[in-house]
PDB file of N, CA and C in Angstrom:
ATOM      1  N   MET A   1     -13.890  18.818  20.366  1.00  0.00           N
ATOM      2  CA  MET A   1     -15.109  18.954  19.377  1.00  0.00           C
ATOM      3  C   MET A   1     -14.732  18.684  18.289  1.00  0.00           C
ATOM      4  N   LYS A   2     -15.729  17.767  17.501  1.00  0.00           N
ATOM      5  CA  LYS A   2     -15.328  17.293  16.193  1.00  0.00           C
ATOM      6  C   LYS A   2     -15.740  18.563  15.129  1.00  0.00           C
ATOM      7  N   ASN A   3     -15.181  18.228  13.812  1.00  0.00           N
ATOM      8  CA  ASN A   3     -15.521  19.141  12.844  1.00  0.00           C
ATOM      9  C   ASN A   3     -17.093  19.315  12.386  1.00  0.00           C
ATOM     10  N   ASN A   4     -17.280  20.207  11.720  1.00  0.00           N
ATOM     11  CA  ASN A   4     -18.671  20.268  11.305  1.00  0.00           C
ATOM     12  C   ASN A   4     -18.612  20.390   9.719  1.00  0.00           C
ATOM     13  N   TYR A   5     -17.858  19.460   9.115  1.00  0.00           N
ATOM     14  CA  TYR A   5     -17.936  19.220   7.553  1.00  0.00           C
ATOM     15  C   TYR A   5     -19.126  18.969   7.017  1.00  0.00           C
ATOM     16  N   SER A   6     -19.643  19.507   6.111  1.00  0.00           N
ATOM     17  CA  SER A   6     -20.821  19.204   5.297  1.00  0.00           C
ATOM     18  C   SER A   6     -20.235  17.680   4.504  1.00  0.00           C
ATOM     19  N   ILE A   7     -21.031  16.905   3.979  1.00  0.00           N
ATOM     20  CA  ILE A   7     -20.632  15.869   3.107  1.00  0.00           C
ATOM     21  C   ILE A   7     -19.747  16.028   1.976  1.00  0.00           C
ATOM     22  N   ALA A   8     -20.291  17.209   1.134  1.00  0.00           N
ATOM     23  CA  ALA A   8     -19.594  17.722   0.246  1.00  0.00           C
ATOM     24  C   ALA A   8     -18.286  18.127   0.367  1.00  0.00           C
ATOM     25  N   GLU A   9     -18.097  19.070   1.499  1.00  0.00           N
ATOM     26  CA  GLU A   9     -16.667  19.520   1.950  1.00  0.00           C
ATOM     27  C   GLU A   9     -15.950  18.109   2.474  1.00  0.00           C
ATOM     28  N   ARG A  10     -16.349  17.219   3.119  1.00  0.00           N
ATOM     29  CA  ARG A  10     -15.667  16.080   3.594  1.00  0.00           C
ATOM     30  C   ARG A  10     -15.239  15.433   2.419  1.00  0.00           C
ATOM     31  N   ASN A  11     -16.068  15.030   1.323  1.00  0.00           N
ATOM     32  CA  ASN A  11     -15.274  14.639   0.005  1.00  0.00           C
ATOM     33  C   ASN A  11     -14.287  15.311  -0.397  1.00  0.00           C
ATOM     34  N   ARG A  12     -14.552  16.569  -0.603  1.00  0.00           N
ATOM     35  CA  ARG A  12     -13.595  17.560  -1.177  1.00  0.00           C
ATOM     36  C   ARG A  12     -12.189  17.233  -0.645  1.00  0.00           C
ATOM     37  N   ILE A  13     -12.239  17.263   0.849  1.00  0.00           N
ATOM     38  CA  ILE A  13     -10.875  17.001   1.565  1.00  0.00           C
ATOM     39  C   ILE A  13     -10.387  15.784   1.374  1.00  0.00           C
ATOM     40  N   VAL A  14     -11.403  14.633   1.359  1.00  0.00           N
ATOM     41  CA  VAL A  14     -11.014  13.299   1.133  1.00  0.00           C
ATOM     42  C   VAL A  14     -10.006  13.387  -0.412  1.00  0.00           C
ATOM     43  N   GLU A  15     -10.756  13.665  -1.210  1.00  0.00           N
ATOM     44  CA  GLU A  15      -9.774  13.706  -2.593  1.00  0.00           C
ATOM     45  C   GLU A  15      -8.701  14.670  -2.776  1.00  0.00           C
ATOM     46  N   GLU A  16      -8.606  15.304  -1.869  1.00  0.00           N
ATOM     47  CA  GLU A  16      -7.358  16.057  -1.827  1.00  0.00           C
ATOM     48  C   GLU A  16      -6.391  15.470  -1.128  1.00  0.00           C
ATOM     49  N   HIS A  17      -6.861  14.374  -0.147  1.00  0.00           N
ATOM     50  CA  HIS A  17      -5.631  13.835   0.620  1.00  0.00           C
ATOM     51  C   HIS A  17      -5.463  12.320   0.111  1.00  0.00           C
ATOM     52  N   LEU A  18      -6.194  11.949  -0.975  1.00  0.00           N
ATOM     53  CA  LEU A  18      -5.812  10.548  -1.616  1.00  0.00           C
ATOM     54  C   LEU A  18      -4.453  10.216  -1.607  1.00  0.00           C
ATOM     55  N   TRP A  19      -3.666  11.289  -1.776  1.00  0.00           N
ATOM     56  CA  TRP A  19      -2.071  10.877  -2.144  1.00  0.00           C
ATOM     57  C   TRP A  19      -1.520  10.308  -0.813  1.00  0.00           C
ATOM     58  N   CYS A  20      -2.164  10.543   0.143  1.00  0.00           N
ATOM     59  CA  CYS A  20      -1.764  10.031   1.448  1.00  0.00           C
ATOM     60  C   CYS A  20      -1.643   8.534   1.544  1.00  0.00           C
ATOM     61  N   ILE A  21      -2.705   7.966   0.854  1.00  0.00           N
ATOM     62  CA  ILE A  21      -2.726   6.610   0.903  1.00  0.00           C
ATOM     63  C   ILE A  21      -1.717   5.895   0.081  1.00  0.00           C
ATOM     64  N   ASP A  22      -1.312   6.428  -1.078  1.00  0.00           N
ATOM     65  CA  ASP A  22      -0.245   5.968  -1.992  1.00  0.00           C
ATOM     66  C   ASP A  22       1.138   6.199  -1.226  1.00  0.00           C
ATOM     67  N   ARG A  23       1.180   7.317  -0.435  1.00  0.00           N
ATOM     68  CA  ARG A  23       2.503   7.239   0.145  1.00  0.00           C
ATOM     69  C   ARG A  23       2.645   6.368   1.299  1.00  0.00           C
ATOM     70  N   VAL A  24       1.711   6.200   2.073  1.00  0.00           N
ATOM     71  CA  VAL A  24       1.487   5.133   3.248  1.00  0.00           C
ATOM     72  C   VAL A  24       1.885   3.784   2.609  1.00  0.00           C
ATOM     73  N   ILE A  25       1.259   3.379   1.419  1.00  0.00           N
ATOM     74  CA  ILE A  25       1.321   2.069   0.789  1.00  0.00           C
ATOM     75  C   ILE A  25       2.839   2.064   0.360  1.00  0.00           C
ATOM     76  N   ARG A  26       3.306   3.186  -0.278  1.00  0.00           N
ATOM     77  CA  ARG A  26       4.743   3.002  -0.867  1.00  0.00           C
ATOM     78  C   ARG A  26       5.747   2.943   0.130  1.00  0.00           C
ATOM     79  N   LYS A  27       5.381   3.418   1.345  1.00  0.00           N
ATOM     80  CA  LYS A  27       6.616   3.354   2.647  1.00  0.00           C
ATOM     81  C   LYS A  27       6.424   1.926   3.184  1.00  0.00           C
ATOM     82  N   ASN A  28       5.132   1.055   3.028  1.00  0.00           N
ATOM     83  CA  ASN A  28       5.014  -0.173   3.837  1.00  0.00           C
ATOM     84  C   ASN A  28       5.003  -1.218   2.606  1.00  0.00           C
ATOM     85  N   ARG A  29       5.441  -1.044   1.515  1.00  0.00           N
ATOM     86  CA  ARG A  29       5.349  -2.146   0.348  1.00  0.00           C
ATOM     87  C   ARG A  29       5.866  -3.397   0.817  1.00  0.00           C
ATOM     88  N   ALA A  30       7.186  -3.312   1.692  1.00  0.00           N
ATOM     89  CA  ALA A  30       7.725  -4.524   2.078  1.00  0.00           C
ATOM     90  C   ALA A  30       6.863  -5.406   2.958  1.00  0.00           C
ATOM     91  N   LEU A  31       6.119  -4.685   3.960  1.00  0.00           N
ATOM     92  CA  LEU A  31       5.008  -5.301   4.963  1.00  0.00           C
ATOM     93  C   LEU A  31       3.957  -5.694   4.180  1.00  0.00           C
ATOM     94  N   MET A  32       3.641  -5.170   3.077  1.00  0.00           N
ATOM     95  CA  MET A  32       2.422  -5.820   2.336  1.00  0.00           C
ATOM     96  C   MET A  32       2.838  -6.961   1.651  1.00  0.00           C
ATOM     97  N   ARG A  33       3.912  -7.054   1.386  1.00  0.00           N
ATOM     98  CA  ARG A  33       4.594  -8.217   0.495  1.00  0.00           C
ATOM     99  C   ARG A  33       4.668  -9.402   1.430  1.00  0.00           C
ATOM    100  N   VAL A  34       5.361  -9.014   2.515  1.00  0.00           N
ATOM    101  CA  VAL A  34       5.424 -10.256   3.730  1.00  0.00           C
ATOM    102  C   VAL A  34       3.979 -10.615   4.138  1.00  0.00           C
ATOM    103  N   ALA A  35       3.229  -9.817   4.477  1.00  0.00           N
ATOM    104  CA  ALA A  35       1.751 -10.335   4.880  1.00  0.00           C
ATOM    105  C   ALA A  35       1.011 -10.806   3.525  1.00  0.00           C
ATOM    106  N   ARG A  36       1.398 -10.808   2.521  1.00  0.00           N
ATOM    107  CA  ARG A  36       0.702 -11.238   1.427  1.00  0.00           C
ATOM    108  C   ARG A  36      -0.680 -10.465   1.281  1.00  0.00           C
ATOM    109  N   LEU A  37      -0.628  -9.088   1.318  1.00  0.00           N
ATOM    110  CA  LEU A  37      -1.845  -8.166   1.275  1.00  0.00           C
ATOM    111  C   LEU A  37      -1.897  -7.761  -0.033  1.00  0.00           C
ATOM    112  N   ASP A  38      -3.076  -7.766  -0.756  1.00  0.00           N
ATOM    113  CA  ASP A  38      -3.477  -7.318  -2.274  1.00  0.00           C
ATOM    114  C   ASP A  38      -3.499  -5.758  -2.116  1.00  0.00           C
ATOM    115  N   TYR A  39      -2.681  -5.364  -3.190  1.00  0.00           N
ATOM    116  CA  TYR A  39      -2.711  -3.835  -3.231  1.00  0.00           C
ATOM    117  C   TYR A  39      -3.992  -2.997  -3.217  1.00  0.00           C
ATOM    118  N   ASP A  40      -4.925  -3.768  -4.033  1.00  0.00           N
ATOM    119  CA  ASP A  40      -6.120  -3.008  -4.351  1.00  0.00           C
ATOM    120  C   ASP A  40      -7.285  -3.287  -2.897  1.00  0.00           C
ATOM    121  N   ASP A  41      -7.128  -4.328  -2.125  1.00  0.00           N
ATOM    122  CA  ASP A  41      -7.696  -4.501  -1.063  1.00  0.00           C
ATOM    123  C   ASP A  41      -7.163  -3.651  -0.016  1.00  0.00           C
ATOM    124  N   VAL A  42      -5.772  -3.523   0.107  1.00  0.00           N
ATOM    125  CA  VAL A  42      -5.367  -2.352   1.034  1.00  0.00           C
ATOM    126  C   VAL A  42      -5.857  -1.120   0.610  1.00  0.00           C
ATOM    127  N   TYR A  43      -5.716  -0.584  -0.607  1.00  0.00           N
ATOM    128  CA  TYR A  43      -6.204   0.686  -0.914  1.00  0.00           C
ATOM    129  C   TYR A  43      -7.471   1.050  -0.417  1.00  0.00           C
ATOM    130  N   GLN A  44      -8.507  -0.013  -0.964  1.00  0.00           N
ATOM    131  CA  GLN A  44      -9.886   0.172  -0.454  1.00  0.00           C
ATOM    132  C   GLN A  44      -9.999   0.395   1.169  1.00  0.00           C
ATOM    133  N   GLN A  45      -9.306  -0.348   1.749  1.00  0.00           N
ATOM    134  CA  GLN A  45      -9.329  -0.398   3.305  1.00  0.00           C
ATOM    135  C   GLN A  45      -9.071   0.900   3.841  1.00  0.00           C
ATOM    136  N   LEU A  46      -7.985   1.520   2.980  1.00  0.00           N
ATOM    137  CA  LEU A  46      -7.265   2.799   3.510  1.00  0.00           C
ATOM    138  C   LEU A  46      -8.070   3.892   3.145  1.00  0.00           C
ATOM    139  N   SER A  47      -8.765   3.653   2.008  1.00  0.00           N
ATOM    140  CA  SER A  47      -9.622   4.741   1.564  1.00  0.00           C
ATOM    141  C   SER A  47     -10.938   4.919   2.622  1.00  0.00           C
ATOM    142  N   ILE A  48     -11.238   3.979   3.096  1.00  0.00           N
ATOM    143  CA  ILE A  48     -12.476   4.064   4.004  1.00  0.00           C
ATOM    144  C   ILE A  48     -12.020   4.661   5.219  1.00  0.00           C
ATOM    145  N   ARG A  49     -10.865   4.214   5.759  1.00  0.00           N
ATOM    146  CA  ARG A  49     -10.257   4.887   6.994  1.00  0.00           C
ATOM    147  C   ARG A  49      -9.961   6.371   6.842  1.00  0.00           C
ATOM    148  N   LEU A  50      -9.614   6.846   5.518  1.00  0.00           N
ATOM    149  CA  LEU A  50      -9.316   8.360   5.176  1.00  0.00           C
ATOM    150  C   LEU A  50     -10.649   8.900   5.385  1.00  0.00           C
ATOM    151  N   ILE A  51     -11.944   8.333   4.812  1.00  0.00           N
ATOM    152  CA  ILE A  51     -13.019   8.803   5.192  1.00  0.00           C
ATOM    153  C   ILE A  51     -13.412   9.167   6.533  1.00  0.00           C
ATOM    154  N   ARG A  52     -13.105   8.060   7.262  1.00  0.00           N
ATOM    155  CA  ARG A  52     -13.655   8.191   8.554  1.00  0.00           C
ATOM    156  C   ARG A  52     -12.740   8.998   9.359  1.00  0.00           C
ATOM    157  N   ALA A  53     -11.127   9.251   8.995  1.00  0.00           N
ATOM    158  CA  ALA A  53     -10.152  10.114   9.583  1.00  0.00           C
ATOM    159  C   ALA A  53     -10.815  11.450   9.316  1.00  0.00           C
ATOM    160  N   VAL A  54     -11.136  11.999   8.347  1.00  0.00           N
ATOM    161  CA  VAL A  54     -11.835  13.251   8.033  1.00  0.00           C
ATOM    162  C   VAL A  54     -13.152  13.465   8.620  1.00  0.00           C
ATOM    163  N   SER A  55     -13.752  12.756   8.634  1.00  0.00           N
ATOM    164  CA  SER A  55     -15.067  12.530   9.385  1.00  0.00           C
ATOM    165  C   SER A  55     -14.759  13.102  10.878  1.00  0.00           C
ATOM    166  N   GLY A  56     -13.990  12.094  11.630  1.00  0.00           N
ATOM    167  CA  GLY A  56     -13.630  12.181  12.926  1.00  0.00           C
ATOM    168  C   GLY A  56     -12.699  13.345  13.413  1.00  0.00           C
ATOM    169  N   PHE A  57     -12.068  14.172  12.605  1.00  0.00           N
ATOM    170  CA  PHE A  57     -11.084  15.105  12.891  1.00  0.00           C
ATOM    171  C   PHE A  57     -11.403  16.004  13.792  1.00  0.00           C
ATOM    172  N   ASP A  58     -10.617  16.328  14.816  1.00  0.00           N
ATOM    173  CA  ASP A  58     -11.006  17.371  15.788  1.00  0.00           C
ATOM    174  C   ASP A  58      -9.749  18.431  15.418  1.00  0.00           C
ATOM    175  N   PRO A  59     -10.201  19.668  14.988  1.00  0.00           N
ATOM    176  CA  PRO A  59      -9.243  20.712  14.430  1.00  0.00           C
ATOM    177  C   PRO A  59      -8.467  21.197  15.909  1.00  0.00           C
ATOM    178  N   GLN A  60      -9.148  21.023  17.180  1.00  0.00           N
ATOM    179  CA  GLN A  60      -8.288  21.432  18.476  1.00  0.00           C
ATOM    180  C   GLN A  60      -7.412  20.505  18.969  1.00  0.00           C
ATOM    181  N   LYS A  61      -7.234  19.214  18.394  1.00  0.00           N
ATOM    182  CA  LYS A  61      -6.232  18.062  18.718  1.00  0.00           C
ATOM    183  C   LYS A  61      -5.002  18.103  17.877  1.00  0.00           C
ATOM    184  N   GLY A  62      -4.945  18.894  16.801  1.00  0.00           N
ATOM    185  CA  GLY A  62      -3.768  18.734  15.749  1.00  0.00           C
ATOM    186  C   GLY A  62      -4.110  19.124  14.379  1.00  0.00           C
ATOM    187  N   LYS A  63      -2.929  18.760  13.710  1.00  0.00           N
ATOM    188  CA  LYS A  63      -3.205  19.046  12.222  1.00  0.00           C
ATOM    189  C   LYS A  63      -4.115  17.915  11.602  1.00  0.00           C
ATOM    190  N   LEU A  64      -4.672  18.178  10.300  1.00  0.00           N
ATOM    191  CA  LEU A  64      -5.416  17.162   9.718  1.00  0.00           C
ATOM    192  C   LEU A  64      -4.270  16.318   8.992  1.00  0.00           C
ATOM    193  N   LYS A  65      -3.368  16.772   8.367  1.00  0.00           N
ATOM    194  CA  LYS A  65      -2.455  15.788   7.803  1.00  0.00           C
ATOM    195  C   LYS A  65      -1.952  14.689   8.689  1.00  0.00           C
ATOM    196  N   GLN A  66      -1.396  15.056   9.798  1.00  0.00           N
ATOM    197  CA  GLN A  66      -0.849  14.342  10.769  1.00  0.00           C
ATOM    198  C   GLN A  66      -1.977  13.393  11.500  1.00  0.00           C
ATOM    199  N   HIS A  67      -3.202  13.788  11.453  1.00  0.00           N
ATOM    200  CA  HIS A  67      -4.205  12.742  12.004  1.00  0.00           C
ATOM    201  C   HIS A  67      -4.542  11.674  10.685  1.00  0.00           C
ATOM    202  N   ILE A  68      -4.597  12.309   9.706  1.00  0.00           N
ATOM    203  CA  ILE A  68      -4.778  11.333   8.430  1.00  0.00           C
ATOM    204  C   ILE A  68      -3.675  10.244   8.344  1.00  0.00           C
ATOM    205  N   PHE A  69      -2.331  10.632   8.370  1.00  0.00           N
ATOM    206  CA  PHE A  69      -1.455   9.630   8.488  1.00  0.00           C
ATOM    207  C   PHE A  69      -1.524   8.612   9.745  1.00  0.00           C
ATOM    208  N   ALA A  70      -1.587   9.327  10.923  1.00  0.00           N
ATOM    209  CA  ALA A  70      -1.582   8.220  11.826  1.00  0.00           C
ATOM    210  C   ALA A  70      -2.851   7.190  11.826  1.00  0.00           C
ATOM    211  N   GLN A  71      -3.820   7.444  11.239  1.00  0.00           N
ATOM    212  CA  GLN A  71      -4.965   6.799  11.057  1.00  0.00           C
ATOM    213  C   GLN A  71      -4.701   5.770   9.912  1.00  0.00           C
ATOM    214  N   LEU A  72      -3.957   6.422   8.824  1.00  0.00           N
ATOM    215  CA  LEU A  72      -3.613   5.219   7.702  1.00  0.00           C
ATOM    216  C   LEU A  72      -2.540   4.437   8.061  1.00  0.00           C
ATOM    217  N   ARG A  73      -1.642   4.778   9.004  1.00  0.00           N
ATOM    218  CA  ARG A  73      -0.664   3.815   9.310  1.00  0.00           C
ATOM    219  C   ARG A  73      -1.337   2.820  10.305  1.00  0.00           C
ATOM    220  N   PHE A  74      -2.180   3.131  11.171  1.00  0.00           N
ATOM    221  CA  PHE A  74      -2.908   2.112  12.209  1.00  0.00           C
ATOM    222  C   PHE A  74      -3.493   1.349  11.187  1.00  0.00           C
ATOM    223  N   GLU A  75      -4.425   1.477  10.300  1.00  0.00           N
ATOM    224  CA  GLU A  75      -5.326   0.723   9.646  1.00  0.00           C
ATOM    225  C   GLU A  75      -4.309  -0.325   8.836  1.00  0.00           C
ATOM    226  N   LEU A  76      -3.284   0.223   8.108  1.00  0.00           N
ATOM    227  CA  LEU A  76      -2.501  -0.508   7.301  1.00  0.00           C
ATOM    228  C   LEU A  76      -1.803  -1.769   8.191  1.00  0.00           C
ATOM    229  N   LEU A  77      -1.245  -1.239   9.467  1.00  0.00           N
ATOM    230  CA  LEU A  77      -1.076  -2.347  10.238  1.00  0.00           C
ATOM    231  C   LEU A  77      -1.790  -3.524  10.727  1.00  0.00           C
ATOM    232  N   ASN A  78      -3.138  -2.897  10.697  1.00  0.00           N
ATOM    233  CA  ASN A  78      -4.222  -3.826  11.131  1.00  0.00           C
ATOM    234  C   ASN A  78      -5.058  -4.507   9.943  1.00  0.00           C
ATOM    235  N   CYS A  79      -4.437  -4.124   8.752  1.00  0.00           N
ATOM    236  CA  CYS A  79      -5.046  -4.876   7.686  1.00  0.00           C
ATOM    237  C   CYS A  79      -5.001  -6.537   7.887  1.00  0.00           C
ATOM    238  N   LYS A  80      -5.923  -7.061   7.365  1.00  0.00           N
ATOM    239  CA  LYS A  80      -5.801  -8.543   7.305  1.00  0.00           C
ATOM    240  C   LYS A  80      -6.191  -9.053   6.150  1.00  0.00           C
ATOM    241  N   ARG A  81      -5.836 -10.320   5.679  1.00  0.00           N
ATOM    242  CA  ARG A  81      -6.161 -10.914   4.365  1.00  0.00           C
ATOM    243  C   ARG A  81      -7.757 -11.072   4.187  1.00  0.00           C
ATOM    244  N   PRO A  82      -8.238 -11.004   3.122  1.00  0.00           N
ATOM    245  CA  PRO A  82      -9.817 -10.931   3.272  1.00  0.00           C
ATOM    246  C   PRO A  82     -10.431 -12.283   3.577  1.00  0.00           C
ATOM    247  N   TYR A  83      -9.832 -13.418   3.444  1.00  0.00           N
ATOM    248  CA  TYR A  83     -10.335 -14.500   4.262  1.00  0.00           C
ATOM    249  C   TYR A  83     -10.232 -14.807   5.780  1.00  0.00           C
ATOM    250  N   ARG A  84      -9.175 -14.287   6.121  1.00  0.00           N
ATOM    251  CA  ARG A  84      -9.084 -13.855   7.600  1.00  0.00           C
ATOM    252  C   ARG A  84     -10.038 -13.021   8.163  1.00  0.00           C
ATOM    253  N   MET A  85     -10.316 -11.921   7.448  1.00  0.00           N
ATOM    254  CA  MET A  85     -11.363 -10.851   7.805  1.00  0.00           C
ATOM    255  C   MET A  85     -12.545 -11.480   8.244  1.00  0.00           C
ATOM    256  N   PHE A  86     -12.914 -12.543   7.432  1.00  0.00           N
ATOM    257  CA  PHE A  86     -14.214 -12.997   7.393  1.00  0.00           C
ATOM    258  C   PHE A  86     -14.210 -14.653   8.155  1.00  0.00           C
ATOM    259  N   GLY A  87     -13.260 -14.943   8.958  1.00  0.00           N
ATOM    260  CA  GLY A  87     -13.055 -16.024   9.723  1.00  0.00           C
ATOM    261  C   GLY A  87     -12.531 -17.242   9.036  1.00  0.00           C
ATOM    262  N   MET A  88     -12.249 -17.211   7.862  1.00  0.00           N
ATOM    263  CA  MET A  88     -11.716 -18.500   6.997  1.00  0.00           C
ATOM    264  C   MET A  88     -10.279 -18.563   7.360  1.00  0.00           C
ATOM    265  N   THR A  89      -9.689 -19.117   8.429  1.00  0.00           N
ATOM    266  CA  THR A  89      -8.255 -19.122   8.553  1.00  0.00           C
ATOM    267  C   THR A  89      -7.537 -20.337   8.112  1.00  0.00           C
ATOM    268  N   GLY A  90      -8.029 -21.431   7.756  1.00  0.00           N
ATOM    269  CA  GLY A  90      -7.651 -22.537   7.393  1.00  0.00           C
ATOM    270  C   GLY A  90      -7.869 -23.634   8.420  1.00  0.00           C
ATOM    271  N   LEU A  91      -7.355 -24.704   8.275  1.00  0.00           N
ATOM    272  CA  LEU A  91      -7.863 -26.089   9.221  1.00  0.00           C
ATOM    273  C   LEU A  91      -6.752 -25.912  10.252  1.00  0.00           C
ATOM    274  N   PRO A  92      -7.206 -26.405  11.398  1.00  0.00           N
ATOM    275  CA  PRO A  92      -5.997 -26.672  12.417  1.00  0.00           C
ATOM    276  C   PRO A  92      -5.310 -27.564  12.096  1.00  0.00           C
ATOM    277  N   ALA A  93      -3.967 -27.656  12.374  1.00  0.00           N
ATOM    278  CA  ALA A  93      -2.984 -28.903  12.241  1.00  0.00           C
ATOM    279  C   ALA A  93      -3.233 -30.208  12.143  1.00  0.00           C
ATOM    280  N   ASP A  94      -3.902 -30.364  13.335  1.00  0.00           N
ATOM    281  CA  ASP A  94      -4.486 -31.734  13.492  1.00  0.00           C
ATOM    282  C   ASP A  94      -5.326 -32.314  12.709  1.00  0.00           C
ATOM    283  N   TYR A  95      -6.147 -31.422  11.845  1.00  0.00           N
ATOM    284  CA  TYR A  95      -7.147 -31.999  10.730  1.00  0.00           C
ATOM    285  C   TYR A  95      -6.672 -31.994   9.447  1.00  0.00           C
ATOM    286  N   ARG A  96      -5.292 -31.424   9.270  1.00  0.00           N
ATOM    287  CA  ARG A  96      -4.939 -31.391   7.938  1.00  0.00           C
ATOM    288  C   ARG A  96      -4.279 -32.712   7.437  1.00  0.00           C
ATOM    289  N   GLY A  97      -4.601 -32.962   6.129  1.00  0.00           N
ATOM    290  CA  GLY A  97      -4.451 -34.567   5.639  1.00  0.00           C
ATOM    291  C   GLY A  97      -5.658 -35.235   5.851  1.00  0.00           C
ATOM    292  N   LYS A  98      -6.587 -34.754   6.356  1.00  0.00           N
ATOM    293  CA  LYS A  98      -7.849 -35.844   6.499  1.00  0.00           C
ATOM    294  C   LYS A  98      -8.799 -35.238   5.316  1.00  0.00           C
ATOM    295  N   LYS A  99      -9.753 -36.154   4.983  1.00  0.00           N
ATOM    296  CA  LYS A  99     -10.821 -35.788   4.095  1.00  0.00           C
ATOM    297  C   LYS A  99     -11.957 -35.520   4.862  1.00  0.00           C
ATOM    298  N   ILE A 100     -12.415 -34.148   4.415  1.00  0.00           N
ATOM    299  CA  ILE A 100     -13.365 -33.600   5.111  1.00  0.00           C
ATOM    300  C   ILE A 100     -14.850 -33.669   4.239  1.00  0.00           C
ATOM    301  N   ILE A 101     -15.917 -33.863   4.582  1.00  0.00           N
ATOM    302  CA  ILE A 101     -17.215 -34.173   4.126  1.00  0.00           C
ATOM    303  C   ILE A 101     -18.239 -33.455   4.472  1.00  0.00           C
ATOM    304  N   SER A 102     -19.341 -33.427   4.028  1.00  0.00           N
ATOM    305  CA  SER A 102     -20.526 -32.637   4.343  1.00  0.00           C
ATOM    306  C   SER A 102     -21.439 -33.491   5.135  1.00  0.00           C
ATOM    307  N   ILE A 103     -22.247 -32.892   6.160  1.00  0.00           N
ATOM    308  CA  ILE A 103     -23.078 -33.835   6.766  1.00  0.00           C
ATOM    309  C   ILE A 103     -23.951 -34.638   6.019  1.00  0.00           C
ATOM    310  N   GLU A 104     -24.413 -34.020   4.915  1.00  0.00           N
ATOM    311  CA  GLU A 104     -25.343 -34.671   3.951  1.00  0.00           C
ATOM    312  C   GLU A 104     -24.664 -35.838   3.380  1.00  0.00           C
ATOM    313  N   ASP A 105     -23.425 -35.714   3.146  1.00  0.00           N
ATOM    314  CA  ASP A 105     -22.574 -36.835   2.305  1.00  0.00           C
ATOM    315  C   ASP A 105     -22.608 -37.976   3.553  1.00  0.00           C
ATOM    316  N   TYR A 106     -22.397 -37.479   4.731  1.00  0.00           N
ATOM    317  CA  TYR A 106     -22.094 -38.571   5.613  1.00  0.00           C
ATOM    318  C   TYR A 106     -23.240 -39.597   5.885  1.00  0.00           C
ATOM    319  N   LEU A 107     -24.238 -38.839   5.982  1.00  0.00           N
ATOM    320  CA  LEU A 107     -25.718 -39.415   6.359  1.00  0.00           C
ATOM    321  C   LEU A 107     -25.972 -40.173   5.137  1.00  0.00           C
ATOM    322  N   GLU A 108     -25.563 -39.759   4.021  1.00  0.00           N
ATOM    323  CA  GLU A 108     -25.830 -40.743   2.639  1.00  0.00           C
ATOM    324  C   GLU A 108     -25.120 -41.996   2.785  1.00  0.00           C
ATOM    325  N   ARG A 109     -23.954 -41.739   3.131  1.00  0.00           N
ATOM    326  CA  ARG A 109     -22.977 -42.944   3.182  1.00  0.00           C
ATOM    327  C   ARG A 109     -23.217 -43.973   4.174  1.00  0.00           C
ATOM    328  N   HIS A 110     -23.869 -43.339   5.317  1.00  0.00           N
ATOM    329  CA  HIS A 110     -24.031 -44.270   6.492  1.00  0.00           C
ATOM    330  C   HIS A 110     -25.586 -44.404   6.828  1.00  0.00           C
ATOM    331  N   SER A 111     -26.393 -44.501   5.646  1.00  0.00           N
ATOM    332  CA  SER A 111     -27.604 -44.665   5.676  1.00  0.00           C
ATOM    333  C   SER A 111     -28.565 -43.989   6.927  1.00  0.00           C
ATOM    334  N   GLY A 112     -28.406 -42.811   6.957  1.00  0.00           N
ATOM    335  CA  GLY A 112     -29.338 -41.973   8.062  1.00  0.00           C
ATOM    336  C   GLY A 112     -28.747 -42.079   9.298  1.00  0.00           C
ATOM    337  N   ALA A 113     -27.633 -42.920   9.664  1.00  0.00           N
ATOM    338  CA  ALA A 113     -27.023 -42.756  11.201  1.00  0.00           C
ATOM    339  C   ALA A 113     -26.525 -41.589  11.626  1.00  0.00           C
ATOM    340  N   GLU A 114     -26.471 -41.345  12.858  1.00  0.00           N
ATOM    341  CA  GLU A 114     -26.134 -40.293  13.340  1.00  0.00           C
ATOM    342  C   GLU A 114     -24.580 -39.909  13.182  1.00  0.00           C
ATOM    343  N   PRO A 115     -24.203 -38.875  12.831  1.00  0.00           N
ATOM    344  CA  PRO A 115     -22.774 -38.504  12.741  1.00  0.00           C
ATOM    345  C   PRO A 115     -22.025 -38.569  14.054  1.00  0.00           C
ATOM    346  N   ASP A 116     -20.774 -39.340  14.083  1.00  0.00           N
ATOM    347  CA  ASP A 116     -20.227 -39.297  15.141  1.00  0.00           C
ATOM    348  C   ASP A 116     -18.966 -38.234  14.943  1.00  0.00           C
ATOM    349  N   GLY A 117     -18.589 -37.699  13.874  1.00  0.00           N
ATOM    350  CA  GLY A 117     -17.750 -36.726  13.474  1.00  0.00           C
ATOM    351  C   GLY A 117     -17.799 -36.352  12.140  1.00  0.00           C
ATOM    352  N   PHE A 118     -17.038 -35.339  11.580  1.00  0.00           N
ATOM    353  CA  PHE A 118     -17.026 -34.825  10.487  1.00  0.00           C
ATOM    354  C   PHE A 118     -15.858 -35.344   9.502  1.00  0.00           C
ATOM    355  N   PHE A 119     -15.045 -36.017  10.310  1.00  0.00           N
ATOM    356  CA  PHE A 119     -13.594 -36.198   9.712  1.00  0.00           C
ATOM    357  C   PHE A 119     -13.582 -37.488   9.606  1.00  0.00           C
ATOM    358  N   LEU A 120     -12.984 -38.012   8.374  1.00  0.00           N
ATOM    359  CA  LEU A 120     -12.736 -39.474   8.228  1.00  0.00           C
ATOM    360  C   LEU A 120     -11.286 -39.431   7.521  1.00  0.00           C
ATOM    361  N   SER A 121     -10.871 -40.805   7.977  1.00  0.00           N
ATOM    362  CA  SER A 121      -9.342 -40.770   7.566  1.00  0.00           C
ATOM    363  C   SER A 121      -9.325 -41.090   6.085  1.00  0.00           C
ATOM    364  N   ALA A 122      -8.272 -40.587   5.563  1.00  0.00           N
ATOM    365  CA  ALA A 122      -7.896 -40.658   4.007  1.00  0.00           C
ATOM    366  C   ALA A 122      -7.666 -41.855   3.724  1.00  0.00           C
TER     367      ALA A 122
END
């Protein structure tokens, strides 16, 4: 059974456990560096996860602190760089080095002809 925290009580518990975010980040600094994750972005994602962890905590399943740390570690391992979160992962290897133009530019250059592709040789 989930907890029955009021919003004020939940917020108080979250504020008391903000140090958990710092500890998880400190222990995983090397991982963040290798994955090129920004400290502020990670802190924000872990803060949101902390709120969810406190809201979804079931006292019958264990201790709150253990639940929070497990949730924060999981979130950190699943953090993505912002542009990957929103589907901007870069070009496929076979399109690198080619000039990409917009449909409007293509149509202007080819006097209204139907486009046969969006990629032109450089």
